[in-house]
Protein backbone atom coordinates (compact mmCIF):
# COMPACT_ATOMS: atom_id res chain seq x y z
CA UNK A 1 -51.24 -43.02 92.26
CA UNK A 2 -52.86 -41.71 89.14
CA UNK A 3 -53.03 -43.71 85.84
CA UNK A 4 -52.84 -41.53 82.70
CA UNK A 5 -53.62 -43.33 79.47
CA UNK A 6 -52.85 -42.14 75.90
CA UNK A 7 -52.64 -43.73 72.54
CA UNK A 8 -49.11 -42.59 71.66
CA UNK A 9 -46.09 -41.46 73.72
CA UNK A 10 -45.65 -38.20 71.76
CA UNK A 11 -48.98 -37.02 73.05
CA UNK A 12 -47.58 -36.97 76.55
CA UNK A 13 -44.06 -35.89 75.62
CA UNK A 14 -44.56 -32.34 76.78
CA UNK A 15 -44.93 -33.38 80.45
CA UNK A 16 -41.93 -32.35 82.59
CA UNK A 17 -39.86 -34.88 84.57
CA UNK A 18 -40.87 -37.96 82.58
CA UNK A 19 -38.93 -41.13 83.63
CA UNK A 20 -39.17 -43.88 81.10
CA UNK A 21 -39.49 -47.49 82.30
CA UNK A 22 -39.44 -50.90 80.69
CA UNK A 23 -42.51 -53.20 80.62
CA UNK A 24 -43.03 -56.57 78.99
CA UNK A 25 -46.70 -56.02 78.25
CA UNK A 26 -47.18 -52.35 77.22
CA UNK A 27 -45.49 -50.44 74.43
CA UNK A 28 -44.51 -47.36 76.42
CA UNK A 29 -44.64 -46.60 80.12
CA UNK A 30 -43.26 -43.69 82.23
CA UNK A 31 -43.72 -42.00 85.59
CA UNK A 32 -44.03 -38.38 86.56
CA UNK A 33 -45.21 -36.20 89.43
CA UNK A 34 -48.25 -33.98 88.79
CA UNK A 35 -49.09 -31.41 91.46
CA UNK A 36 -47.37 -33.56 94.06
CA UNK A 37 -49.24 -36.71 93.00
CA UNK A 38 -47.35 -39.64 91.58
CA UNK A 39 -48.59 -40.70 88.13
CA UNK A 40 -47.97 -43.67 85.88
CA UNK A 41 -48.29 -42.92 82.11
CA UNK A 42 -48.94 -45.54 79.48
CA UNK A 43 -49.32 -45.44 75.74
CA UNK A 44 -50.18 -48.75 74.02
CA UNK A 45 -51.57 -47.80 70.64
CA UNK A 46 -54.60 -46.21 69.05
CA UNK A 47 -58.12 -47.56 69.37
CA UNK A 48 -60.17 -49.08 72.11
CA UNK A 49 -58.59 -52.55 72.02
CA UNK A 50 -55.01 -51.37 72.23
CA UNK A 51 -55.74 -48.95 75.06
CA UNK A 52 -57.69 -51.56 77.01
CA UNK A 53 -54.84 -54.08 76.71
CA UNK A 54 -52.35 -51.66 78.10
CA UNK A 55 -54.54 -50.37 80.93
CA UNK A 56 -55.64 -53.85 82.04
CA UNK A 57 -51.99 -55.01 82.17
CA UNK A 58 -51.17 -52.25 84.68
CA UNK A 59 -54.33 -52.50 86.70
CA UNK A 60 -53.60 -56.21 87.18
CA UNK A 61 -50.49 -55.45 89.12
CA UNK A 62 -50.90 -51.92 90.66
CA UNK A 63 -53.43 -49.94 92.64
CA UNK A 64 -54.52 -46.53 91.37
CA UNK A 65 -56.66 -43.73 92.85
CA UNK A 66 -57.97 -42.53 89.52
CA UNK A 67 -57.73 -42.86 85.73
CA UNK A 68 -57.20 -40.09 83.11
CA UNK A 69 -57.81 -40.66 79.41
CA UNK A 70 -55.43 -38.07 77.82
CA UNK A 71 -54.09 -37.26 74.38
CA UNK A 72 -55.24 -35.67 71.16
CA UNK A 73 -58.68 -35.24 69.56
CA UNK A 74 -60.11 -33.90 66.31
CA UNK A 75 -62.40 -30.88 66.70
CA UNK A 76 -66.09 -31.37 65.76
CA UNK A 77 -66.94 -27.86 67.03
CA UNK A 78 -65.62 -25.22 64.64
CA UNK A 79 -65.12 -23.02 67.72
CA UNK A 80 -62.23 -25.29 68.94
CA UNK A 81 -58.85 -24.33 67.61
CA UNK A 82 -55.68 -26.51 67.37
CA UNK A 83 -53.99 -26.49 70.78
CA UNK A 84 -57.12 -25.78 72.81
CA UNK A 85 -57.93 -28.30 75.53
CA UNK A 86 -61.30 -29.99 76.07
CA UNK A 87 -62.00 -31.46 79.50
CA UNK A 88 -64.83 -33.87 78.70
CA UNK A 89 -67.82 -34.07 80.98
CA UNK A 90 -69.16 -37.16 79.19
CA UNK A 91 -67.97 -39.70 76.60
CA UNK A 92 -70.32 -40.78 73.84
CA UNK A 93 -70.01 -44.13 72.10
CA UNK A 94 -72.42 -46.61 70.58
CA UNK A 95 -75.54 -44.97 72.05
CA UNK A 96 -73.99 -44.86 75.56
CA UNK A 97 -72.87 -41.81 77.55
CA UNK A 98 -70.13 -42.37 80.12
CA UNK A 99 -69.83 -39.62 82.77
CA UNK A 100 -66.47 -37.96 83.30
CA UNK A 101 -65.34 -35.82 86.28
CA UNK A 102 -64.15 -32.29 85.85
CA UNK A 103 -60.83 -31.72 87.55
CA UNK A 104 -60.58 -28.87 90.00
CA UNK A 105 -58.18 -25.93 89.48
CA UNK A 106 -58.10 -26.28 85.68
CA UNK A 107 -56.00 -23.67 83.87
CA UNK A 108 -57.87 -20.65 82.37
CA UNK A 109 -59.28 -21.12 78.88
CA UNK A 110 -59.94 -24.89 79.15
CA UNK A 111 -63.17 -25.92 77.42
CA UNK A 112 -65.74 -28.55 78.50
CA UNK A 113 -68.35 -30.64 76.82
CA UNK A 114 -68.99 -34.07 75.21
CA UNK A 115 -66.32 -36.12 73.56
CA UNK A 116 -67.22 -38.75 70.97
CA UNK A 117 -65.22 -42.01 70.67
CA UNK A 118 -65.20 -43.26 67.06
CA UNK A 119 -64.08 -46.66 65.79
CA UNK A 120 -61.80 -45.16 63.13
CA UNK A 121 -59.77 -42.03 62.38
CA UNK A 122 -62.20 -39.27 61.28
CA UNK A 123 -60.25 -37.66 58.47
CA UNK A 124 -62.61 -35.39 56.56
CA UNK A 125 -64.35 -32.11 57.41
CA UNK A 126 -67.56 -33.57 55.99
CA UNK A 127 -67.44 -36.58 58.36
CA UNK A 128 -66.75 -34.24 61.29
CA UNK A 129 -69.75 -32.06 60.44
CA UNK A 130 -71.99 -35.19 60.39
CA UNK A 131 -70.71 -36.39 63.73
CA UNK A 132 -71.09 -32.88 65.35
CA UNK A 133 -74.90 -33.27 65.00
CA UNK A 134 -74.77 -35.74 67.89
CA UNK A 135 -73.71 -32.93 70.29
CA UNK A 136 -70.02 -33.90 70.79
CA UNK A 137 -67.40 -31.13 70.52
CA UNK A 138 -64.43 -33.39 69.65
CA UNK A 139 -63.69 -36.95 68.61
CA UNK A 140 -61.07 -39.56 69.59
CA UNK A 141 -60.68 -43.37 69.43
CA UNK A 142 -59.99 -44.41 73.03
CA UNK A 143 -61.79 -42.52 75.76
CA UNK A 144 -64.93 -44.73 75.87
CA UNK A 145 -62.84 -47.83 76.54
CA UNK A 146 -61.00 -46.06 79.40
CA UNK A 147 -64.27 -44.75 80.82
CA UNK A 148 -65.76 -48.28 80.79
CA UNK A 149 -62.67 -49.71 82.44
CA UNK A 150 -62.71 -47.01 85.17
CA UNK A 151 -66.36 -47.84 85.85
CA UNK A 152 -65.57 -51.56 86.16
CA UNK A 153 -62.77 -50.79 88.58
CA UNK A 154 -64.95 -48.21 90.52
CA UNK A 155 -62.24 -45.56 90.01
CA UNK A 156 -62.71 -41.79 89.37
CA UNK A 157 -62.48 -41.09 85.59
CA UNK A 158 -61.30 -37.96 83.84
CA UNK A 159 -60.74 -37.10 80.17
CA UNK A 160 -58.43 -34.35 78.93
CA UNK A 161 -57.95 -33.90 75.21
CA UNK A 162 -55.95 -31.38 73.25
CA UNK A 163 -57.13 -30.48 69.69
CA UNK A 164 -54.73 -31.62 66.97
CA UNK A 165 -56.86 -30.93 63.88
CA UNK A 166 -59.70 -28.49 63.23
CA UNK A 167 -63.33 -29.19 62.41
CA UNK A 168 -62.98 -27.81 58.89
CA UNK A 169 -59.69 -29.66 58.19
CA UNK A 170 -59.20 -32.77 56.01
CA UNK A 171 -56.29 -34.92 57.05
CA UNK A 172 -53.59 -35.27 54.35
CA UNK A 173 -53.78 -39.09 54.09
CA UNK A 174 -56.15 -41.87 55.19
CA UNK A 175 -54.66 -42.84 58.50
CA UNK A 176 -57.02 -45.79 58.74
CA UNK A 177 -55.08 -47.42 55.92
CA UNK A 178 -51.90 -46.94 57.99
CA UNK A 179 -53.27 -48.30 61.23
CA UNK A 180 -51.98 -51.79 62.17
CA UNK A 181 -53.94 -54.32 64.17
CA UNK A 182 -51.87 -53.68 67.27
CA UNK A 183 -52.82 -50.02 67.31
CA UNK A 184 -49.55 -48.62 65.85
CA UNK A 185 -49.30 -46.59 62.59
CA UNK A 186 -47.09 -47.66 59.67
CA UNK A 187 -45.13 -44.72 58.56
CA UNK A 188 -44.32 -46.59 55.31
CA UNK A 189 -48.07 -46.69 54.56
CA UNK A 190 -48.33 -42.99 55.29
CA UNK A 191 -45.37 -42.18 53.08
CA UNK A 192 -46.73 -44.35 50.27
CA UNK A 193 -50.06 -42.49 50.30
CA UNK A 194 -48.32 -39.14 50.27
CA UNK A 195 -46.25 -40.29 47.31
CA UNK A 196 -44.99 -37.50 45.07
CA UNK A 197 -47.73 -35.02 45.99
CA UNK A 198 -46.05 -31.89 47.40
CA UNK A 199 -49.42 -30.73 48.85
CA UNK A 200 -49.72 -33.91 50.92
CA UNK A 201 -46.23 -33.48 52.33
CA UNK A 202 -46.84 -29.82 53.25
CA UNK A 203 -50.06 -30.82 55.08
CA UNK A 204 -48.27 -33.69 56.86
CA UNK A 205 -45.67 -31.24 58.15
CA UNK A 206 -48.45 -28.92 59.23
CA UNK A 207 -50.05 -31.83 61.08
CA UNK A 208 -46.77 -32.54 62.80
CA UNK A 209 -46.51 -28.95 63.95
CA UNK A 210 -50.09 -29.14 65.23
CA UNK A 211 -49.18 -32.24 67.20
CA UNK A 212 -46.32 -30.38 68.90
CA UNK A 213 -48.69 -27.55 69.76
CA UNK A 214 -51.28 -29.97 71.09
CA UNK A 215 -48.73 -31.89 73.17
CA UNK A 216 -47.50 -28.69 74.92
CA UNK A 217 -51.01 -27.43 75.71
CA UNK A 218 -52.00 -30.93 76.95
CA UNK A 219 -49.00 -30.95 79.37
CA UNK A 220 -49.84 -27.43 80.56
CA UNK A 221 -53.40 -28.52 81.37
CA UNK A 222 -52.45 -31.83 83.00
CA UNK A 223 -49.93 -30.16 85.28
CA UNK A 224 -52.38 -27.42 86.19
CA UNK A 225 -55.37 -29.65 87.04
CA UNK A 226 -56.13 -31.22 90.34
CA UNK A 227 -57.29 -34.85 90.00
CA UNK A 228 -59.04 -35.94 93.19
CA UNK A 229 -59.61 -39.43 94.42
């Protein structure tokens, strides 16, 4: 069985045949079949701590053949467009580089390269340009924690990320101010920041559309890849 870990359930919503389950110790859990292989999908919040809590809860009671860190990422490489998929060959965080396997039989057009895991939401084009100097093509907040956990468990590790915001794009609000300690986002804090600024609301709607595009392309890639043991 494959374990697929995301920050939020909407990142995985495009996968066909999802069956939702209840769990006392993770926020969202489901099952699906990917290329004939059973998979458990979990989303327990944004950030390394939240994703580690959810993954460890499942690993304590089930056996898995491999782990996939999946979800959205912000582009650092201007050549990556919204909806394109990056299959990472390594994860960079805190001076460490964690290797990641490349799945076989990936769909055409999938990109590869390094993914950087940051400790906060990277919300400005300027910050993205600064981070790009380190050689990563995209940035997320969870993959390094999943890579480390897979190494501890001696399990094959993969990372598949769909681009949800471009390298030259500023996010419409500061999502770090909306991030709760448990890894969830407060919509009230997002709304309060947007306030009465029509431009902020238009950009939030655009970001929501980008998320839908990213979710569909992520699902297409995940169902087209072969994750070996």
